Structure formats: structure tokens, C-alpha cells
């Protein structure tokens, strides 16, 4: 044990000496910036060390569930599969588009649909709800969409945790 501690101390001293040997000019070299073309249609990814952009609450659109007779049209079917939901444990956290997650709003996470897309989600029992895509996911295998708690409750899948749904694109 003492041998390991002694070797660790020697290694730290050697490392510390090599680091302290750098002059200020050597350690602060400027990294040239590169020019990158940015496509505004693509989502912006922010490295973990940078804070996510803040979206003003006034810029966020509030979406409530629309009864079937008030929705635009039947929409284009885009498939179906298993849906899951997420709720209070994520309340207040930032979603992928920068807004704060509200489990009482009618929102959802989808892997590829653009943010702001409205989707009609219909359960196997025939209940429907319109949600707005504001997050990325689901990251659990076999799921096609993650619903907010309110949307899942409207469809009747909260207790089961997941349920089979059909998706229709409204926008």
C-alpha cells in the first residue's frame, strides 16, 4: 500500500513539474476560429460546457388539446407504435427546443419531427389528443413518441405507463 502511495506521489510531482514548466505564452495559444456554414433549418446543438439558449416565455406558444371536431383535418397518417409518457419528475427542465417542460401541457417528444409540429395521437381505445413536438426522444427502445402527462392522461395510458397509438401529422 505504501509503495502505491509513493508511486502516485512521484507521478503527481512529475506531472506537476511538467505543467508548471510551461510559460504563459506557451499555455495560452489562441485557437483560430473556423468558418462553418449554418443551415437554419437544422436544430442547433450546444456543447455541454455552454449554457442552452434561453427562450423568452412570451415567445412560447401554448397549445391545449383540441377536440376532434375543432382540429384542422384528419391529418396524414405517419404510422404508429408504442407511446410512453413523462411527467412531474421532469417539470421545469429544459426541453430540446429550449422551453421548460410542463407536464400539464399537451406536448410530446419525437426523434425526427420538427419542433412545433402538431400531431394527432390516437389510442387503441379510439381516444385522440393533439400535441405539439417540443422535445427529442423517446430513448427507450420500441417507442415512437413520449407524451406529456396531460396528453397521456387524456388517452388513458398513464396507469399502464405506455400504450399503442397511431400518429397523424396535422401541419
N, C-alpha and C. Protein backbone atom coordinates (compact mmCIF):
# COMPACT_ATOMS: atom_id res chain seq x y z
N UNK A 1 0.82 -1.19 0.00
CA UNK A 1 0.00 0.00 0.00
C UNK A 1 0.87 1.26 0.00
N UNK A 2 1.93 1.25 0.83
CA UNK A 2 2.81 2.40 0.90
C UNK A 2 3.55 2.61 -0.42
N UNK A 3 3.83 1.50 -1.12
CA UNK A 3 4.53 1.59 -2.39
C UNK A 3 3.65 2.28 -3.42
N UNK A 4 2.36 1.91 -3.44
CA UNK A 4 1.43 2.55 -4.39
C UNK A 4 1.30 4.04 -4.11
N UNK A 5 1.21 4.39 -2.84
CA UNK A 5 1.09 5.80 -2.47
C UNK A 5 2.34 6.57 -2.88
N UNK A 6 3.49 5.95 -2.70
CA UNK A 6 4.75 6.61 -3.06
C UNK A 6 4.83 6.80 -4.57
N UNK A 7 4.41 5.77 -5.34
CA UNK A 7 4.42 5.88 -6.80
C UNK A 7 3.45 6.96 -7.27
N UNK A 8 2.30 7.03 -6.65
CA UNK A 8 1.32 8.06 -7.02
C UNK A 8 1.87 9.45 -6.72
N UNK A 9 2.54 9.61 -5.60
CA UNK A 9 3.11 10.91 -5.24
C UNK A 9 4.19 11.32 -6.23
N UNK A 10 5.04 10.37 -6.62
CA UNK A 10 6.10 10.66 -7.58
C UNK A 10 5.48 11.06 -8.92
N UNK A 11 4.44 10.32 -9.34
CA UNK A 11 3.78 10.63 -10.61
C UNK A 11 3.17 12.03 -10.58
N UNK A 12 2.53 12.38 -9.49
CA UNK A 12 1.93 13.71 -9.37
C UNK A 12 3.00 14.81 -9.38
N UNK A 13 4.09 14.57 -8.70
CA UNK A 13 5.16 15.56 -8.70
C UNK A 13 5.73 15.74 -10.10
N UNK A 14 5.92 14.61 -10.80
CA UNK A 14 6.47 14.69 -12.16
C UNK A 14 5.50 15.43 -13.07
N UNK A 15 4.23 15.13 -12.95
CA UNK A 15 3.22 15.79 -13.76
C UNK A 15 3.14 17.27 -13.41
N UNK A 16 3.16 17.59 -12.15
CA UNK A 16 3.10 18.99 -11.72
C UNK A 16 4.29 19.77 -12.21
N UNK A 17 5.46 19.16 -12.22
CA UNK A 17 6.65 19.85 -12.71
C UNK A 17 6.57 20.12 -14.19
N UNK A 18 6.00 19.19 -14.95
CA UNK A 18 5.92 19.41 -16.39
C UNK A 18 4.88 20.47 -16.73
N UNK A 19 3.85 20.55 -15.94
CA UNK A 19 2.84 21.57 -16.20
C UNK A 19 3.35 22.95 -15.81
N UNK A 20 4.00 23.04 -14.66
CA UNK A 20 4.46 24.35 -14.22
C UNK A 20 5.62 24.86 -15.07
N UNK A 21 6.25 24.01 -15.87
CA UNK A 21 7.34 24.43 -16.72
C UNK A 21 6.89 25.22 -17.93
N UNK A 22 5.60 25.25 -18.23
CA UNK A 22 5.10 25.99 -19.39
C UNK A 22 5.14 27.48 -19.09
N UNK A 23 5.51 28.24 -20.07
CA UNK A 23 5.46 29.69 -19.90
C UNK A 23 4.04 30.16 -20.21
N UNK A 24 3.75 31.36 -19.86
CA UNK A 24 2.41 31.91 -20.09
C UNK A 24 2.10 31.95 -21.58
N UNK A 25 3.08 32.24 -22.41
CA UNK A 25 2.85 32.32 -23.85
C UNK A 25 2.56 30.94 -24.43
N UNK A 26 3.24 29.91 -23.91
CA UNK A 26 3.03 28.56 -24.43
C UNK A 26 1.65 28.03 -24.06
N UNK A 27 1.18 28.32 -22.88
CA UNK A 27 -0.08 27.77 -22.40
C UNK A 27 -1.30 28.51 -22.88
N UNK A 28 -1.13 29.68 -23.48
CA UNK A 28 -2.31 30.45 -23.87
C UNK A 28 -2.35 30.71 -25.37
N UNK A 29 -1.98 29.70 -26.14
CA UNK A 29 -2.04 29.88 -27.59
C UNK A 29 -3.49 30.07 -28.03
N UNK A 30 -3.70 31.00 -28.92
CA UNK A 30 -5.05 31.24 -29.41
C UNK A 30 -5.39 30.19 -30.47
N UNK A 31 -6.59 29.66 -30.38
CA UNK A 31 -7.06 28.68 -31.35
C UNK A 31 -7.80 29.46 -32.43
N UNK A 32 -7.36 29.31 -33.70
CA UNK A 32 -8.04 30.07 -34.76
C UNK A 32 -9.47 29.60 -34.93
N UNK A 33 -10.39 30.53 -35.12
CA UNK A 33 -11.78 30.19 -35.34
C UNK A 33 -11.97 29.75 -36.78
N UNK A 34 -12.84 28.77 -36.96
CA UNK A 34 -13.12 28.29 -38.30
C UNK A 34 -14.49 28.77 -38.72
N UNK A 35 -14.65 28.97 -39.99
CA UNK A 35 -15.93 29.41 -40.52
C UNK A 35 -16.74 28.19 -40.91
N UNK A 36 -17.96 28.09 -40.40
CA UNK A 36 -18.83 26.95 -40.68
C UNK A 36 -20.16 27.48 -41.18
N UNK A 37 -20.63 26.93 -42.28
CA UNK A 37 -21.93 27.32 -42.80
C UNK A 37 -23.01 26.71 -41.92
N UNK A 38 -23.98 27.50 -41.51
CA UNK A 38 -25.04 27.03 -40.63
C UNK A 38 -26.35 27.02 -41.39
N UNK A 39 -27.00 25.86 -41.38
CA UNK A 39 -28.31 25.73 -42.02
C UNK A 39 -29.37 26.04 -40.97
N UNK A 40 -30.16 27.12 -41.11
CA UNK A 40 -31.14 27.47 -40.07
C UNK A 40 -32.24 26.44 -39.91
N UNK A 41 -32.42 25.55 -40.88
CA UNK A 41 -33.47 24.54 -40.77
C UNK A 41 -33.07 23.41 -39.84
N UNK A 42 -31.77 23.26 -39.57
CA UNK A 42 -31.30 22.19 -38.71
C UNK A 42 -31.32 22.63 -37.25
N UNK A 43 -31.57 21.69 -36.31
CA UNK A 43 -31.54 22.07 -34.90
C UNK A 43 -30.13 22.47 -34.48
N UNK A 44 -30.04 23.38 -33.54
CA UNK A 44 -28.75 23.86 -33.05
C UNK A 44 -28.37 23.04 -31.83
N UNK A 45 -27.22 22.42 -31.88
CA UNK A 45 -26.73 21.65 -30.76
C UNK A 45 -25.71 22.47 -30.01
N UNK A 46 -25.84 22.52 -28.70
CA UNK A 46 -24.96 23.33 -27.87
C UNK A 46 -24.08 22.38 -27.06
N UNK A 47 -22.75 22.56 -27.09
CA UNK A 47 -21.88 21.71 -26.27
C UNK A 47 -22.26 21.82 -24.80
N UNK A 48 -21.98 20.78 -24.03
CA UNK A 48 -22.36 20.75 -22.62
C UNK A 48 -21.76 21.88 -21.81
N UNK A 49 -20.57 22.34 -22.20
CA UNK A 49 -19.96 23.39 -21.39
C UNK A 49 -20.58 24.77 -21.63
N UNK A 50 -21.43 24.89 -22.66
CA UNK A 50 -22.10 26.17 -22.92
C UNK A 50 -23.54 26.08 -22.43
N UNK A 51 -24.08 27.16 -21.86
CA UNK A 51 -25.48 27.13 -21.44
C UNK A 51 -26.41 27.10 -22.64
N UNK A 52 -27.54 26.45 -22.49
CA UNK A 52 -28.53 26.39 -23.56
C UNK A 52 -29.13 27.78 -23.78
N UNK A 53 -29.50 28.11 -25.01
CA UNK A 53 -30.10 29.42 -25.25
C UNK A 53 -31.42 29.53 -24.49
N UNK A 54 -31.68 30.70 -23.96
CA UNK A 54 -32.89 30.92 -23.18
C UNK A 54 -33.97 31.46 -24.10
N UNK A 55 -35.13 30.83 -24.06
CA UNK A 55 -36.26 31.25 -24.86
C UNK A 55 -37.19 32.04 -23.94
N UNK A 56 -37.53 33.23 -24.34
CA UNK A 56 -38.42 34.06 -23.53
C UNK A 56 -39.79 33.40 -23.46
N UNK A 57 -40.40 33.43 -22.28
CA UNK A 57 -41.70 32.81 -22.09
C UNK A 57 -42.74 33.40 -23.05
N UNK A 58 -42.59 34.68 -23.41
CA UNK A 58 -43.55 35.32 -24.31
C UNK A 58 -43.48 34.74 -25.72
N UNK A 59 -42.32 34.16 -26.08
CA UNK A 59 -42.15 33.60 -27.41
C UNK A 59 -42.75 32.21 -27.54
N UNK A 60 -43.05 31.57 -26.42
CA UNK A 60 -43.55 30.20 -26.45
C UNK A 60 -45.04 30.18 -26.71
N UNK A 61 -45.44 29.25 -27.54
CA UNK A 61 -46.85 29.11 -27.88
C UNK A 61 -47.49 28.08 -26.95
N UNK A 62 -48.63 28.41 -26.38
CA UNK A 62 -49.34 27.48 -25.52
C UNK A 62 -50.32 26.70 -26.36
N UNK A 63 -50.27 25.38 -26.24
CA UNK A 63 -51.14 24.52 -27.02
C UNK A 63 -51.99 23.70 -26.07
N UNK A 64 -53.28 23.76 -26.25
CA UNK A 64 -54.21 22.96 -25.48
C UNK A 64 -54.76 21.85 -26.36
N UNK A 65 -55.32 20.84 -25.74
CA UNK A 65 -55.91 19.74 -26.51
C UNK A 65 -57.07 20.26 -27.32
N UNK A 66 -57.16 19.81 -28.56
CA UNK A 66 -58.26 20.20 -29.43
C UNK A 66 -59.22 19.04 -29.57
N UNK A 67 -60.50 19.23 -29.34
CA UNK A 67 -61.45 18.17 -29.62
C UNK A 67 -61.41 17.84 -31.11
N UNK A 68 -61.80 16.64 -31.47
CA UNK A 68 -61.70 16.20 -32.86
C UNK A 68 -62.42 17.13 -33.83
N UNK A 69 -63.60 17.63 -33.44
CA UNK A 69 -64.36 18.47 -34.36
C UNK A 69 -63.72 19.83 -34.59
N UNK A 70 -62.80 20.28 -33.70
CA UNK A 70 -62.17 21.58 -33.86
C UNK A 70 -60.81 21.49 -34.55
N UNK A 71 -60.26 20.30 -34.71
CA UNK A 71 -58.95 20.15 -35.34
C UNK A 71 -59.06 20.46 -36.83
N UNK A 72 -57.92 20.84 -37.43
CA UNK A 72 -57.88 21.24 -38.83
C UNK A 72 -58.50 20.20 -39.75
N UNK A 73 -57.96 18.99 -39.72
CA UNK A 73 -58.46 17.90 -40.56
C UNK A 73 -58.00 16.59 -39.95
N UNK A 74 -58.25 15.51 -40.65
CA UNK A 74 -57.86 14.21 -40.12
C UNK A 74 -56.35 14.05 -40.08
N UNK A 75 -55.62 14.77 -40.92
CA UNK A 75 -54.17 14.70 -40.93
C UNK A 75 -53.67 13.54 -41.76
N UNK A 76 -52.38 13.55 -42.01
CA UNK A 76 -51.72 12.50 -42.78
C UNK A 76 -51.19 11.46 -41.81
N UNK A 77 -51.62 10.21 -41.95
CA UNK A 77 -51.14 9.13 -41.09
C UNK A 77 -49.63 8.97 -41.28
N UNK A 78 -48.90 8.91 -40.17
CA UNK A 78 -47.45 8.72 -40.27
C UNK A 78 -47.00 7.48 -39.51
N UNK A 79 -47.93 6.59 -39.24
CA UNK A 79 -47.56 5.34 -38.58
C UNK A 79 -48.02 5.30 -37.14
N UNK A 80 -47.50 4.34 -36.45
CA UNK A 80 -47.90 4.16 -35.06
C UNK A 80 -46.92 3.27 -34.34
N UNK A 81 -47.28 2.91 -33.13
CA UNK A 81 -46.44 2.07 -32.29
C UNK A 81 -46.75 2.33 -30.84
N UNK A 82 -45.77 2.09 -30.00
CA UNK A 82 -45.95 2.27 -28.56
C UNK A 82 -45.58 3.70 -28.15
N UNK A 83 -46.43 4.27 -27.31
CA UNK A 83 -46.19 5.60 -26.74
C UNK A 83 -45.97 5.45 -25.25
N UNK A 84 -45.09 6.26 -24.70
CA UNK A 84 -44.89 6.33 -23.27
C UNK A 84 -45.07 7.78 -22.85
N UNK A 85 -44.92 8.06 -21.56
CA UNK A 85 -45.13 9.42 -21.11
C UNK A 85 -44.12 9.77 -20.02
N UNK A 86 -43.93 11.07 -19.83
CA UNK A 86 -43.09 11.56 -18.75
C UNK A 86 -43.79 12.73 -18.08
N UNK A 87 -43.56 12.88 -16.79
CA UNK A 87 -44.37 13.84 -16.04
C UNK A 87 -43.60 14.69 -15.07
N UNK A 88 -44.11 14.73 -13.82
CA UNK A 88 -43.64 15.69 -12.81
C UNK A 88 -42.15 15.65 -12.53
N UNK A 89 -41.52 14.47 -12.67
CA UNK A 89 -40.09 14.40 -12.35
C UNK A 89 -39.24 15.24 -13.31
N UNK A 90 -39.79 15.60 -14.47
CA UNK A 90 -39.06 16.43 -15.44
C UNK A 90 -39.59 17.87 -15.49
N UNK A 91 -40.56 18.20 -14.67
CA UNK A 91 -41.16 19.54 -14.69
C UNK A 91 -40.11 20.62 -14.46
N UNK A 92 -40.13 21.63 -15.32
CA UNK A 92 -39.21 22.75 -15.19
C UNK A 92 -37.89 22.57 -15.91
N UNK A 93 -37.55 21.35 -16.29
CA UNK A 93 -36.31 21.13 -17.04
C UNK A 93 -36.48 21.63 -18.46
N UNK A 94 -35.38 22.00 -19.07
CA UNK A 94 -35.42 22.49 -20.45
C UNK A 94 -35.62 21.31 -21.40
N UNK A 95 -36.51 21.51 -22.37
CA UNK A 95 -36.70 20.53 -23.42
C UNK A 95 -35.67 20.81 -24.52
N UNK A 96 -35.65 19.97 -25.53
CA UNK A 96 -34.65 20.12 -26.60
C UNK A 96 -34.80 21.43 -27.36
N UNK A 97 -36.01 22.01 -27.40
CA UNK A 97 -36.16 23.27 -28.12
C UNK A 97 -35.95 24.48 -27.22
N UNK A 98 -35.59 24.28 -25.95
CA UNK A 98 -35.23 25.37 -25.05
C UNK A 98 -36.31 25.81 -24.09
N UNK A 99 -37.55 25.38 -24.29
CA UNK A 99 -38.59 25.78 -23.35
C UNK A 99 -38.60 24.86 -22.14
N UNK A 100 -39.27 25.29 -21.09
CA UNK A 100 -39.35 24.48 -19.88
C UNK A 100 -40.49 23.48 -20.01
N UNK A 101 -40.24 22.24 -19.58
CA UNK A 101 -41.24 21.19 -19.68
C UNK A 101 -42.34 21.42 -18.65
N UNK A 102 -43.58 21.34 -19.12
CA UNK A 102 -44.76 21.47 -18.27
C UNK A 102 -45.60 20.21 -18.47
N UNK A 103 -45.69 19.34 -17.45
CA UNK A 103 -46.43 18.09 -17.60
C UNK A 103 -47.92 18.30 -17.84
N UNK A 104 -48.44 19.50 -17.57
CA UNK A 104 -49.87 19.75 -17.77
C UNK A 104 -50.17 20.29 -19.18
N UNK A 105 -49.15 20.51 -19.99
CA UNK A 105 -49.38 20.96 -21.37
C UNK A 105 -49.46 19.76 -22.29
N UNK A 106 -49.98 19.97 -23.48
CA UNK A 106 -50.14 18.90 -24.46
C UNK A 106 -48.96 18.95 -25.43
N UNK A 107 -47.84 18.37 -24.98
CA UNK A 107 -46.62 18.35 -25.77
C UNK A 107 -46.10 16.92 -25.84
N UNK A 108 -45.08 16.72 -26.69
CA UNK A 108 -44.52 15.38 -26.85
C UNK A 108 -43.09 15.46 -27.35
N UNK A 109 -42.40 14.33 -27.20
CA UNK A 109 -41.04 14.18 -27.72
C UNK A 109 -41.08 13.18 -28.86
N UNK A 110 -40.42 13.53 -29.96
CA UNK A 110 -40.32 12.64 -31.12
C UNK A 110 -38.89 12.71 -31.64
N UNK A 111 -38.38 11.63 -32.19
CA UNK A 111 -36.99 11.58 -32.63
C UNK A 111 -36.69 12.49 -33.81
N UNK A 112 -37.62 12.60 -34.78
CA UNK A 112 -37.28 13.28 -36.03
C UNK A 112 -38.20 14.42 -36.44
N UNK A 113 -39.42 14.48 -35.96
CA UNK A 113 -40.34 15.54 -36.39
C UNK A 113 -39.83 16.90 -35.94
N UNK A 114 -39.99 17.94 -36.77
CA UNK A 114 -39.52 19.28 -36.39
C UNK A 114 -40.27 19.82 -35.18
N UNK A 115 -39.58 20.65 -34.40
CA UNK A 115 -40.22 21.30 -33.26
C UNK A 115 -41.38 22.15 -33.74
N UNK A 116 -42.46 22.14 -32.98
CA UNK A 116 -43.65 22.92 -33.32
C UNK A 116 -44.66 22.15 -34.15
N UNK A 117 -44.28 20.98 -34.64
CA UNK A 117 -45.21 20.17 -35.44
C UNK A 117 -46.36 19.69 -34.56
N UNK A 118 -47.56 19.80 -35.09
CA UNK A 118 -48.74 19.31 -34.36
C UNK A 118 -49.07 17.91 -34.86
N UNK A 119 -49.27 17.01 -33.92
CA UNK A 119 -49.52 15.60 -34.23
C UNK A 119 -50.76 15.15 -33.48
N UNK A 120 -51.68 14.46 -34.21
CA UNK A 120 -52.82 13.84 -33.54
C UNK A 120 -52.38 12.45 -33.13
N UNK A 121 -52.53 12.15 -31.84
CA UNK A 121 -52.18 10.85 -31.28
C UNK A 121 -53.50 10.17 -30.91
N UNK A 122 -53.74 8.99 -31.48
CA UNK A 122 -54.98 8.25 -31.23
C UNK A 122 -54.64 6.93 -30.57
N UNK A 123 -55.28 6.67 -29.42
CA UNK A 123 -55.02 5.43 -28.69
C UNK A 123 -55.78 4.27 -29.32
N UNK A 124 -55.45 3.06 -28.89
CA UNK A 124 -56.14 1.87 -29.38
C UNK A 124 -57.61 1.89 -28.97
N UNK A 125 -57.94 2.62 -27.91
CA UNK A 125 -59.32 2.73 -27.45
C UNK A 125 -60.11 3.78 -28.23
N UNK A 126 -59.44 4.46 -29.18
CA UNK A 126 -60.11 5.44 -30.02
C UNK A 126 -60.08 6.86 -29.49
N UNK A 127 -59.44 7.11 -28.35
CA UNK A 127 -59.32 8.46 -27.81
C UNK A 127 -58.20 9.18 -28.54
N UNK A 128 -58.40 10.49 -28.82
CA UNK A 128 -57.39 11.28 -29.54
C UNK A 128 -57.04 12.55 -28.79
N UNK A 129 -55.82 13.01 -29.01
CA UNK A 129 -55.35 14.27 -28.46
C UNK A 129 -54.37 14.85 -29.48
N UNK A 130 -54.32 16.19 -29.54
CA UNK A 130 -53.37 16.88 -30.41
C UNK A 130 -52.25 17.41 -29.54
N UNK A 131 -51.00 17.06 -29.91
CA UNK A 131 -49.83 17.50 -29.15
C UNK A 131 -48.89 18.27 -30.07
N UNK A 132 -48.02 19.07 -29.45
CA UNK A 132 -47.01 19.83 -30.18
C UNK A 132 -45.64 19.23 -29.83
N UNK A 133 -44.82 18.97 -30.83
CA UNK A 133 -43.49 18.40 -30.60
C UNK A 133 -42.57 19.50 -30.08
N UNK A 134 -41.97 19.27 -28.89
CA UNK A 134 -41.07 20.25 -28.31
C UNK A 134 -39.81 19.62 -27.72
N UNK A 135 -39.65 18.32 -27.92
CA UNK A 135 -38.52 17.63 -27.30
C UNK A 135 -38.08 16.47 -28.19
N UNK A 136 -36.92 15.92 -27.90
CA UNK A 136 -36.41 14.76 -28.61
C UNK A 136 -36.55 13.52 -27.74
N UNK A 137 -36.80 12.41 -28.36
CA UNK A 137 -36.98 11.15 -27.67
C UNK A 137 -38.04 10.37 -28.43
N UNK A 138 -38.54 9.31 -27.97
CA UNK A 138 -38.14 8.60 -26.74
C UNK A 138 -36.83 7.86 -26.95
N UNK A 139 -36.14 7.64 -25.86
CA UNK A 139 -34.86 6.95 -25.93
C UNK A 139 -34.97 5.53 -25.41
N UNK A 140 -36.18 5.07 -25.20
CA UNK A 140 -36.44 3.69 -24.80
C UNK A 140 -36.80 2.91 -26.05
N UNK A 141 -36.18 1.79 -26.25
CA UNK A 141 -36.40 1.01 -27.47
C UNK A 141 -37.85 0.65 -27.70
N UNK A 142 -38.26 0.69 -28.95
CA UNK A 142 -39.61 0.28 -29.31
C UNK A 142 -40.68 1.34 -29.15
N UNK A 143 -40.34 2.52 -28.70
CA UNK A 143 -41.33 3.59 -28.52
C UNK A 143 -41.23 4.56 -29.68
N UNK A 144 -42.38 5.10 -30.11
CA UNK A 144 -42.37 6.05 -31.23
C UNK A 144 -42.56 7.49 -30.76
N UNK A 145 -43.15 7.69 -29.57
CA UNK A 145 -43.40 9.04 -29.08
C UNK A 145 -43.47 9.02 -27.56
N UNK A 146 -42.99 10.09 -26.92
CA UNK A 146 -43.12 10.31 -25.47
C UNK A 146 -44.09 11.46 -25.28
N UNK A 147 -45.16 11.21 -24.56
CA UNK A 147 -46.20 12.22 -24.35
C UNK A 147 -46.03 12.89 -22.99
N UNK A 148 -46.53 14.11 -22.88
CA UNK A 148 -46.60 14.75 -21.57
C UNK A 148 -47.64 14.01 -20.73
N UNK A 149 -47.60 14.21 -19.44
CA UNK A 149 -48.52 13.52 -18.53
C UNK A 149 -49.98 13.86 -18.87
N UNK A 150 -50.26 15.12 -19.20
CA UNK A 150 -51.63 15.52 -19.52
C UNK A 150 -52.14 14.81 -20.77
N UNK A 151 -51.29 14.72 -21.80
CA UNK A 151 -51.69 14.04 -23.04
C UNK A 151 -51.91 12.56 -22.79
N UNK A 152 -51.03 11.95 -22.00
CA UNK A 152 -51.18 10.53 -21.69
C UNK A 152 -52.45 10.27 -20.88
N UNK A 153 -52.77 11.18 -19.97
CA UNK A 153 -53.99 11.04 -19.17
C UNK A 153 -55.22 11.13 -20.07
N UNK A 154 -55.19 12.04 -21.04
CA UNK A 154 -56.30 12.21 -21.97
C UNK A 154 -56.53 10.92 -22.78
N UNK A 155 -55.44 10.22 -23.09
CA UNK A 155 -55.53 8.98 -23.86
C UNK A 155 -55.79 7.75 -22.98
N UNK A 156 -55.62 7.92 -21.67
CA UNK A 156 -55.87 6.82 -20.75
C UNK A 156 -54.72 5.83 -20.63
N UNK A 157 -53.47 6.29 -20.82
CA UNK A 157 -52.34 5.36 -20.73
C UNK A 157 -51.41 5.65 -19.55
N UNK A 158 -51.83 6.52 -18.63
CA UNK A 158 -50.97 6.88 -17.51
C UNK A 158 -50.73 5.66 -16.60
N UNK A 159 -51.77 4.99 -16.23
CA UNK A 159 -51.64 3.88 -15.30
C UNK A 159 -50.77 2.76 -15.87
N UNK A 160 -50.96 2.42 -17.15
CA UNK A 160 -50.18 1.35 -17.78
C UNK A 160 -48.74 1.78 -18.04
N UNK A 161 -48.51 3.09 -18.20
CA UNK A 161 -47.17 3.60 -18.48
C UNK A 161 -46.87 3.72 -19.96
N UNK A 162 -47.55 2.94 -20.78
CA UNK A 162 -47.38 3.01 -22.22
C UNK A 162 -48.61 2.42 -22.88
N UNK A 163 -48.75 2.68 -24.17
CA UNK A 163 -49.90 2.15 -24.89
C UNK A 163 -49.70 2.29 -26.39
N UNK A 164 -50.42 1.49 -27.14
CA UNK A 164 -50.33 1.50 -28.60
C UNK A 164 -51.11 2.70 -29.13
N UNK A 165 -50.48 3.45 -30.07
CA UNK A 165 -51.11 4.65 -30.64
C UNK A 165 -50.86 4.71 -32.15
N UNK A 166 -51.67 5.52 -32.80
CA UNK A 166 -51.49 5.88 -34.22
C UNK A 166 -51.18 7.38 -34.26
N UNK A 167 -50.29 7.79 -35.16
CA UNK A 167 -49.91 9.20 -35.27
C UNK A 167 -50.37 9.75 -36.62
N UNK A 168 -50.88 10.99 -36.59
CA UNK A 168 -51.26 11.68 -37.81
C UNK A 168 -50.68 13.08 -37.76
N UNK A 169 -50.02 13.47 -38.84
CA UNK A 169 -49.38 14.77 -38.94
C UNK A 169 -50.43 15.81 -39.32
N UNK A 170 -50.57 16.88 -38.52
CA UNK A 170 -51.58 17.91 -38.79
C UNK A 170 -50.99 19.11 -39.53
N UNK A 171 -49.71 19.38 -39.36
CA UNK A 171 -49.08 20.57 -40.00
C UNK A 171 -48.45 20.19 -41.32
